C-alpha cells in the first residue's frame, strides 16, 4: 500500500471525528471568559474527547451494522461491546497521554506563546493532534497487520 493510499485511508477514518472535535474545541474555548487558562484547557480537551470518540463510536457501529445487514444478520449487544476493546487498542496510550498531558499543555501554552488566544488554540490543537495521530496511526497500522 502506498503512502498516498494510506493517507487517504487515515483521512477517511478520522475526518468526521476530527471535524466534530475541532468544532467542540473552538466552541468550548469560549469558557476562557469564565475560567482561568488551565481550567479552560482541560474543558477544551474533554469537549474534544466527547465529540471525537462519540463520532468514532458511531461510525464504527454503523460500519458493523452495515456489514451485518449485508449478511441479513442483526447487530447484537455483544458485538457492539466488542467494538470498545478494538478502539482501546487503537487509541489507548495515545489518548491517555493526550488527555492528561499533551493537549492541555498545548491548549494552555500556545495562546501564551503566540500572544493571540484564538491562534494559540488553533496552533495548540494542531500540535496536539499531530502527536496524537502519529501515535494512533502507528497503533491502527499494527492492528491491521495482525488481522
N, C-alpha and C. Protein backbone atom coordinates (compact mmCIF):
# COMPACT_ATOMS: atom_id res chain seq x y z
N UNK A 1 0.85 -1.18 0.00
CA UNK A 1 0.00 0.00 0.00
C UNK A 1 0.90 1.24 0.00
N UNK A 2 0.59 2.17 -0.88
CA UNK A 2 1.41 3.37 -0.98
C UNK A 2 1.08 4.34 0.15
N UNK A 3 1.98 5.27 0.35
CA UNK A 3 1.77 6.29 1.38
C UNK A 3 0.53 7.12 1.06
N UNK A 4 0.33 7.40 -0.22
CA UNK A 4 -0.83 8.19 -0.65
C UNK A 4 -2.13 7.48 -0.31
N UNK A 5 -2.21 6.18 -0.59
CA UNK A 5 -3.44 5.44 -0.28
C UNK A 5 -3.60 5.27 1.23
N UNK A 6 -2.49 5.13 1.94
CA UNK A 6 -2.57 5.05 3.41
C UNK A 6 -3.09 6.37 3.98
N UNK A 7 -2.57 7.48 3.48
CA UNK A 7 -3.02 8.78 3.96
C UNK A 7 -4.51 8.96 3.71
N UNK A 8 -4.99 8.55 2.53
CA UNK A 8 -6.41 8.65 2.21
C UNK A 8 -7.23 7.81 3.18
N UNK A 9 -6.76 6.61 3.48
CA UNK A 9 -7.46 5.74 4.42
C UNK A 9 -7.51 6.38 5.81
N UNK A 10 -6.40 6.93 6.28
CA UNK A 10 -6.38 7.58 7.59
C UNK A 10 -7.29 8.80 7.60
N UNK A 11 -7.21 9.59 6.53
CA UNK A 11 -8.05 10.79 6.43
C UNK A 11 -9.53 10.41 6.47
N UNK A 12 -9.91 9.41 5.68
CA UNK A 12 -11.31 8.97 5.66
C UNK A 12 -11.75 8.41 7.01
N UNK A 13 -10.85 7.77 7.70
CA UNK A 13 -11.20 7.19 9.01
C UNK A 13 -11.45 8.26 10.06
N UNK A 14 -10.65 9.31 10.06
CA UNK A 14 -10.68 10.28 11.15
C UNK A 14 -11.35 11.62 10.82
N UNK A 15 -11.68 11.90 9.57
CA UNK A 15 -12.10 13.24 9.17
C UNK A 15 -13.34 13.76 9.90
N UNK A 16 -14.39 12.96 10.00
CA UNK A 16 -15.61 13.46 10.65
C UNK A 16 -15.43 13.62 12.15
N UNK A 17 -14.70 12.70 12.75
CA UNK A 17 -14.43 12.80 14.18
C UNK A 17 -13.59 14.04 14.47
N UNK A 18 -12.64 14.31 13.60
CA UNK A 18 -11.78 15.48 13.79
C UNK A 18 -12.55 16.78 13.57
N UNK A 19 -13.45 16.78 12.61
CA UNK A 19 -14.30 17.96 12.39
C UNK A 19 -15.15 18.25 13.63
N UNK A 20 -15.73 17.20 14.20
CA UNK A 20 -16.53 17.37 15.42
C UNK A 20 -15.66 17.85 16.58
N UNK A 21 -14.47 17.27 16.71
CA UNK A 21 -13.57 17.65 17.80
C UNK A 21 -13.10 19.09 17.66
N UNK A 22 -12.79 19.51 16.44
CA UNK A 22 -12.36 20.89 16.21
C UNK A 22 -13.48 21.87 16.55
N UNK A 23 -14.68 21.55 16.12
CA UNK A 23 -15.83 22.40 16.45
C UNK A 23 -16.04 22.50 17.95
N UNK A 24 -15.92 21.36 18.63
CA UNK A 24 -16.07 21.36 20.09
C UNK A 24 -14.96 22.17 20.76
N UNK A 25 -13.75 22.08 20.25
CA UNK A 25 -12.62 22.83 20.82
C UNK A 25 -12.84 24.32 20.69
N UNK A 26 -13.24 24.74 19.51
CA UNK A 26 -13.45 26.17 19.29
C UNK A 26 -14.63 26.70 20.12
N UNK A 27 -15.70 25.92 20.18
CA UNK A 27 -16.86 26.35 20.97
C UNK A 27 -16.52 26.40 22.46
N UNK A 28 -15.84 25.37 22.95
CA UNK A 28 -15.53 25.33 24.38
C UNK A 28 -14.41 26.29 24.76
N UNK A 29 -13.67 26.80 23.79
CA UNK A 29 -12.64 27.79 24.12
C UNK A 29 -13.26 29.07 24.67
N UNK A 30 -14.55 29.24 24.45
CA UNK A 30 -15.25 30.41 24.97
C UNK A 30 -15.36 30.38 26.50
N UNK A 31 -15.09 29.22 27.10
CA UNK A 31 -15.08 29.13 28.56
C UNK A 31 -13.98 30.00 29.16
N UNK A 32 -13.05 30.45 28.32
CA UNK A 32 -11.97 31.30 28.82
C UNK A 32 -12.52 32.62 29.37
N UNK A 33 -13.73 32.96 29.00
CA UNK A 33 -14.36 34.18 29.52
C UNK A 33 -14.81 34.00 30.97
N UNK A 34 -14.92 32.73 31.39
CA UNK A 34 -15.42 32.41 32.73
C UNK A 34 -14.32 31.86 33.63
N UNK A 35 -13.49 30.95 33.06
CA UNK A 35 -12.50 30.22 33.84
C UNK A 35 -11.08 30.66 33.51
N UNK A 36 -10.13 30.23 34.35
CA UNK A 36 -8.72 30.53 34.07
C UNK A 36 -8.20 29.66 32.93
N UNK A 37 -6.97 29.91 32.51
CA UNK A 37 -6.39 29.23 31.35
C UNK A 37 -6.28 27.73 31.49
N UNK A 38 -5.84 27.25 32.63
CA UNK A 38 -5.66 25.82 32.82
C UNK A 38 -7.00 25.09 32.85
N UNK A 39 -7.97 25.65 33.54
CA UNK A 39 -9.30 25.05 33.58
C UNK A 39 -9.90 25.00 32.18
N UNK A 40 -9.76 26.08 31.45
CA UNK A 40 -10.28 26.13 30.08
C UNK A 40 -9.56 25.10 29.20
N UNK A 41 -8.26 24.94 29.39
CA UNK A 41 -7.50 23.96 28.60
C UNK A 41 -8.06 22.56 28.81
N UNK A 42 -8.38 22.20 30.05
CA UNK A 42 -8.95 20.88 30.32
C UNK A 42 -10.39 20.78 29.82
N UNK A 43 -11.17 21.85 29.91
CA UNK A 43 -12.53 21.83 29.37
C UNK A 43 -12.52 21.63 27.86
N UNK A 44 -11.60 22.30 27.19
CA UNK A 44 -11.46 22.12 25.75
C UNK A 44 -11.09 20.67 25.44
N UNK A 45 -10.15 20.14 26.18
CA UNK A 45 -9.71 18.76 25.97
C UNK A 45 -10.86 17.78 26.14
N UNK A 46 -11.64 17.91 27.22
CA UNK A 46 -12.75 16.99 27.45
C UNK A 46 -13.84 17.16 26.40
N UNK A 47 -14.12 18.38 25.98
CA UNK A 47 -15.11 18.60 24.92
C UNK A 47 -14.67 17.93 23.62
N UNK A 48 -13.39 18.07 23.30
CA UNK A 48 -12.86 17.42 22.10
C UNK A 48 -13.01 15.91 22.19
N UNK A 49 -12.72 15.35 23.36
CA UNK A 49 -12.80 13.90 23.53
C UNK A 49 -14.22 13.38 23.38
N UNK A 50 -15.18 14.05 23.96
CA UNK A 50 -16.57 13.63 23.84
C UNK A 50 -16.99 13.66 22.37
N UNK A 51 -16.65 14.72 21.67
CA UNK A 51 -17.02 14.84 20.26
C UNK A 51 -16.29 13.80 19.40
N UNK A 52 -14.97 13.70 19.57
CA UNK A 52 -14.17 12.79 18.75
C UNK A 52 -14.61 11.34 18.93
N UNK A 53 -14.64 10.87 20.18
CA UNK A 53 -14.95 9.46 20.42
C UNK A 53 -16.42 9.15 20.20
N UNK A 54 -17.29 10.13 20.36
CA UNK A 54 -18.70 9.92 20.03
C UNK A 54 -18.86 9.61 18.55
N UNK A 55 -18.18 10.38 17.71
CA UNK A 55 -18.24 10.16 16.27
C UNK A 55 -17.55 8.85 15.89
N UNK A 56 -16.39 8.57 16.47
CA UNK A 56 -15.68 7.32 16.18
C UNK A 56 -16.54 6.11 16.55
N UNK A 57 -17.15 6.12 17.72
CA UNK A 57 -18.02 5.01 18.13
C UNK A 57 -19.21 4.87 17.19
N UNK A 58 -19.83 5.98 16.86
CA UNK A 58 -20.98 5.94 15.96
C UNK A 58 -20.59 5.39 14.59
N UNK A 59 -19.49 5.87 14.03
CA UNK A 59 -19.06 5.41 12.71
C UNK A 59 -18.68 3.93 12.73
N UNK A 60 -18.03 3.50 13.80
CA UNK A 60 -17.64 2.10 13.92
C UNK A 60 -18.88 1.22 14.04
N UNK A 61 -19.85 1.68 14.83
CA UNK A 61 -21.12 0.94 14.95
C UNK A 61 -21.83 0.86 13.60
N UNK A 62 -21.90 1.98 12.89
CA UNK A 62 -22.57 1.99 11.57
C UNK A 62 -21.92 1.02 10.61
N UNK A 63 -20.59 0.99 10.62
CA UNK A 63 -19.86 0.08 9.73
C UNK A 63 -20.20 -1.38 10.07
N UNK A 64 -20.25 -1.70 11.37
CA UNK A 64 -20.60 -3.04 11.82
C UNK A 64 -22.04 -3.38 11.44
N UNK A 65 -22.96 -2.47 11.70
CA UNK A 65 -24.38 -2.71 11.39
C UNK A 65 -24.58 -2.89 9.88
N UNK A 66 -23.86 -2.12 9.07
CA UNK A 66 -23.96 -2.25 7.61
C UNK A 66 -23.45 -3.61 7.15
N UNK A 67 -22.30 -4.03 7.70
CA UNK A 67 -21.75 -5.34 7.35
C UNK A 67 -22.71 -6.46 7.76
N UNK A 68 -23.29 -6.33 8.95
CA UNK A 68 -24.25 -7.33 9.40
C UNK A 68 -25.51 -7.31 8.54
N UNK A 69 -25.93 -6.13 8.12
CA UNK A 69 -27.12 -6.00 7.26
C UNK A 69 -26.92 -6.71 5.93
N UNK A 70 -25.71 -6.64 5.38
CA UNK A 70 -25.42 -7.34 4.13
C UNK A 70 -25.52 -8.85 4.30
N UNK A 71 -25.30 -9.31 5.53
CA UNK A 71 -25.40 -10.74 5.83
C UNK A 71 -26.78 -11.13 6.37
N UNK A 72 -27.72 -10.17 6.33
CA UNK A 72 -29.06 -10.37 6.90
C UNK A 72 -28.99 -10.81 8.35
N UNK A 73 -28.12 -10.16 9.08
CA UNK A 73 -27.87 -10.51 10.49
C UNK A 73 -28.07 -9.24 11.31
N UNK A 74 -28.68 -9.39 12.49
CA UNK A 74 -28.84 -8.23 13.37
C UNK A 74 -27.55 -8.04 14.18
N UNK A 75 -27.33 -6.82 14.59
CA UNK A 75 -26.15 -6.49 15.38
C UNK A 75 -26.48 -6.69 16.85
N UNK A 76 -25.74 -7.56 17.50
CA UNK A 76 -26.01 -7.88 18.90
C UNK A 76 -25.30 -6.91 19.83
N UNK A 77 -25.77 -6.86 21.06
CA UNK A 77 -25.13 -6.04 22.08
C UNK A 77 -23.69 -6.50 22.30
N UNK A 78 -23.47 -7.81 22.25
CA UNK A 78 -22.12 -8.35 22.43
C UNK A 78 -21.18 -7.82 21.35
N UNK A 79 -21.64 -7.77 20.11
CA UNK A 79 -20.81 -7.23 19.03
C UNK A 79 -20.50 -5.75 19.24
N UNK A 80 -21.49 -5.03 19.71
CA UNK A 80 -21.29 -3.61 19.98
C UNK A 80 -20.26 -3.42 21.09
N UNK A 81 -20.37 -4.21 22.15
CA UNK A 81 -19.43 -4.12 23.26
C UNK A 81 -18.02 -4.52 22.86
N UNK A 82 -17.90 -5.38 21.85
CA UNK A 82 -16.58 -5.79 21.37
C UNK A 82 -15.88 -4.69 20.57
N UNK A 83 -16.63 -3.66 20.17
CA UNK A 83 -16.02 -2.54 19.47
C UNK A 83 -15.07 -1.77 20.38
N UNK A 84 -15.42 -1.69 21.65
CA UNK A 84 -14.65 -0.89 22.60
C UNK A 84 -13.21 -1.37 22.76
N UNK A 85 -12.96 -2.69 22.97
CA UNK A 85 -11.56 -3.12 23.11
C UNK A 85 -10.70 -2.80 21.88
N UNK A 86 -11.28 -2.91 20.69
CA UNK A 86 -10.52 -2.58 19.48
C UNK A 86 -10.17 -1.09 19.44
N UNK A 87 -11.10 -0.26 19.87
CA UNK A 87 -10.82 1.17 19.91
C UNK A 87 -9.80 1.50 20.99
N UNK A 88 -9.84 0.76 22.09
CA UNK A 88 -8.85 0.96 23.15
C UNK A 88 -7.45 0.58 22.63
N UNK A 89 -7.36 -0.49 21.86
CA UNK A 89 -6.07 -0.87 21.29
C UNK A 89 -5.54 0.21 20.35
N UNK A 90 -6.44 0.79 19.58
CA UNK A 90 -6.02 1.82 18.63
C UNK A 90 -5.67 3.14 19.32
N UNK A 91 -6.51 3.55 20.27
CA UNK A 91 -6.36 4.88 20.85
C UNK A 91 -5.83 4.89 22.28
N UNK A 92 -5.69 3.74 22.92
CA UNK A 92 -5.34 3.63 24.33
C UNK A 92 -4.30 4.59 24.88
N UNK A 93 -3.02 4.23 24.77
CA UNK A 93 -1.99 5.09 25.38
C UNK A 93 -1.88 6.45 24.69
N UNK A 94 -2.11 6.57 23.35
CA UNK A 94 -2.09 7.92 22.79
C UNK A 94 -3.17 8.82 23.41
N UNK A 95 -4.34 8.24 23.68
CA UNK A 95 -5.42 9.02 24.28
C UNK A 95 -5.10 9.43 25.71
N UNK A 96 -4.51 8.53 26.48
CA UNK A 96 -4.16 8.86 27.87
C UNK A 96 -3.11 9.97 27.90
N UNK A 97 -2.07 9.82 27.11
CA UNK A 97 -1.04 10.87 27.05
C UNK A 97 -1.64 12.20 26.59
N UNK A 98 -2.48 12.12 25.57
CA UNK A 98 -3.09 13.32 25.00
C UNK A 98 -4.04 13.97 25.99
N UNK A 99 -4.88 13.17 26.63
CA UNK A 99 -5.90 13.70 27.54
C UNK A 99 -5.31 14.38 28.76
N UNK A 100 -4.31 13.77 29.35
CA UNK A 100 -3.81 14.30 30.63
C UNK A 100 -2.59 15.22 30.50
N UNK A 101 -1.85 15.11 29.41
CA UNK A 101 -0.61 15.88 29.34
C UNK A 101 -0.49 16.75 28.08
N UNK A 102 -0.46 16.11 26.93
CA UNK A 102 -0.12 16.82 25.69
C UNK A 102 -1.12 17.90 25.33
N UNK A 103 -2.41 17.54 25.21
CA UNK A 103 -3.42 18.50 24.76
C UNK A 103 -3.62 19.64 25.75
N UNK A 104 -3.78 19.38 27.06
CA UNK A 104 -3.91 20.53 27.97
C UNK A 104 -2.67 21.43 27.95
N UNK A 105 -1.49 20.81 27.86
CA UNK A 105 -0.25 21.60 27.77
C UNK A 105 -0.29 22.51 26.55
N UNK A 106 -0.63 21.95 25.40
CA UNK A 106 -0.67 22.74 24.17
C UNK A 106 -1.77 23.80 24.22
N UNK A 107 -2.93 23.45 24.77
CA UNK A 107 -4.04 24.40 24.82
C UNK A 107 -3.78 25.52 25.83
N UNK A 108 -2.98 25.25 26.82
CA UNK A 108 -2.64 26.27 27.81
C UNK A 108 -1.52 27.19 27.30
N UNK A 109 -0.45 26.57 26.77
CA UNK A 109 0.74 27.35 26.45
C UNK A 109 0.72 28.03 25.09
N UNK A 110 0.08 27.46 24.10
CA UNK A 110 0.13 28.07 22.77
C UNK A 110 -0.51 29.46 22.72
N UNK A 111 -1.63 29.71 23.39
CA UNK A 111 -2.15 31.09 23.40
C UNK A 111 -1.17 32.06 24.07
N UNK A 112 -0.47 31.59 25.09
CA UNK A 112 0.50 32.44 25.77
C UNK A 112 1.69 32.71 24.85
N UNK A 113 2.19 31.65 24.21
CA UNK A 113 3.36 31.78 23.33
C UNK A 113 3.05 32.68 22.13
N UNK A 114 1.88 32.50 21.53
CA UNK A 114 1.55 33.29 20.33
C UNK A 114 1.08 34.70 20.68
N UNK A 115 0.59 34.90 21.89
CA UNK A 115 0.06 36.21 22.26
C UNK A 115 -1.31 36.48 21.66
N UNK A 116 -1.89 35.48 21.00
CA UNK A 116 -3.21 35.61 20.40
C UNK A 116 -4.01 34.38 20.81
N UNK A 117 -5.08 34.59 21.55
CA UNK A 117 -5.81 33.46 22.12
C UNK A 117 -6.33 32.52 21.03
N UNK A 118 -7.05 33.05 20.05
CA UNK A 118 -7.65 32.21 19.02
C UNK A 118 -6.59 31.46 18.22
N UNK A 119 -5.57 32.14 17.77
CA UNK A 119 -4.50 31.48 17.01
C UNK A 119 -3.75 30.47 17.88
N UNK A 120 -3.61 30.78 19.16
CA UNK A 120 -2.96 29.85 20.07
C UNK A 120 -3.74 28.56 20.23
N UNK A 121 -5.07 28.68 20.30
CA UNK A 121 -5.92 27.49 20.41
C UNK A 121 -5.78 26.64 19.14
N UNK A 122 -5.81 27.29 17.99
CA UNK A 122 -5.67 26.56 16.72
C UNK A 122 -4.29 25.89 16.65
N UNK A 123 -3.24 26.62 16.96
CA UNK A 123 -1.89 26.06 16.93
C UNK A 123 -1.73 24.95 17.97
N UNK A 124 -2.30 25.14 19.15
CA UNK A 124 -2.26 24.11 20.18
C UNK A 124 -2.95 22.84 19.73
N UNK A 125 -4.09 23.00 19.07
CA UNK A 125 -4.83 21.85 18.58
C UNK A 125 -4.05 21.12 17.50
N UNK A 126 -3.47 21.86 16.58
CA UNK A 126 -2.69 21.24 15.50
C UNK A 126 -1.48 20.49 16.07
N UNK A 127 -0.81 21.09 17.04
CA UNK A 127 0.35 20.45 17.66
C UNK A 127 -0.06 19.17 18.39
N UNK A 128 -1.09 19.27 19.21
CA UNK A 128 -1.56 18.09 19.96
C UNK A 128 -2.06 17.00 19.01
N UNK A 129 -2.80 17.40 17.98
CA UNK A 129 -3.31 16.43 17.01
C UNK A 129 -2.18 15.71 16.29
N UNK A 130 -1.13 16.42 15.94
CA UNK A 130 0.00 15.81 15.24
C UNK A 130 0.61 14.69 16.06
N UNK A 131 0.79 14.94 17.34
CA UNK A 131 1.36 13.92 18.23
C UNK A 131 0.38 12.77 18.41
N UNK A 132 -0.87 13.10 18.69
CA UNK A 132 -1.91 12.07 18.91
C UNK A 132 -2.06 11.18 17.69
N UNK A 133 -2.25 11.77 16.51
CA UNK A 133 -2.45 10.97 15.31
C UNK A 133 -1.21 10.18 14.92
N UNK A 134 -0.04 10.73 15.16
CA UNK A 134 1.18 9.97 14.90
C UNK A 134 1.19 8.66 15.67
N UNK A 135 0.84 8.73 16.95
CA UNK A 135 0.80 7.53 17.79
C UNK A 135 -0.38 6.62 17.44
N UNK A 136 -1.56 7.20 17.22
CA UNK A 136 -2.76 6.40 16.93
C UNK A 136 -2.64 5.68 15.59
N UNK A 137 -2.05 6.33 14.60
CA UNK A 137 -1.91 5.70 13.28
C UNK A 137 -0.94 4.53 13.34
N UNK A 138 0.11 4.65 14.14
CA UNK A 138 1.02 3.52 14.32
C UNK A 138 0.23 2.33 14.90
N UNK A 139 -0.59 2.58 15.92
CA UNK A 139 -1.40 1.51 16.52
C UNK A 139 -2.38 0.94 15.49
N UNK A 140 -3.04 1.80 14.75
CA UNK A 140 -4.02 1.37 13.74
C UNK A 140 -3.36 0.44 12.72
N UNK A 141 -2.18 0.82 12.26
CA UNK A 141 -1.47 0.00 11.28
C UNK A 141 -1.02 -1.33 11.88
N UNK A 142 -0.61 -1.32 13.13
CA UNK A 142 -0.24 -2.59 13.79
C UNK A 142 -1.44 -3.51 13.93
N UNK A 143 -2.59 -2.95 14.28
CA UNK A 143 -3.82 -3.75 14.40
C UNK A 143 -4.20 -4.32 13.05
N UNK A 144 -4.11 -3.53 11.99
CA UNK A 144 -4.43 -4.02 10.64
C UNK A 144 -3.52 -5.17 10.25
N UNK A 145 -2.24 -5.07 10.57
CA UNK A 145 -1.29 -6.13 10.19
C UNK A 145 -1.56 -7.42 10.93
N UNK A 146 -2.08 -7.33 12.16
CA UNK A 146 -2.37 -8.53 12.95
C UNK A 146 -3.59 -9.27 12.43
N UNK A 147 -4.48 -8.55 11.72
CA UNK A 147 -5.70 -9.21 11.20
C UNK A 147 -5.39 -10.13 10.10
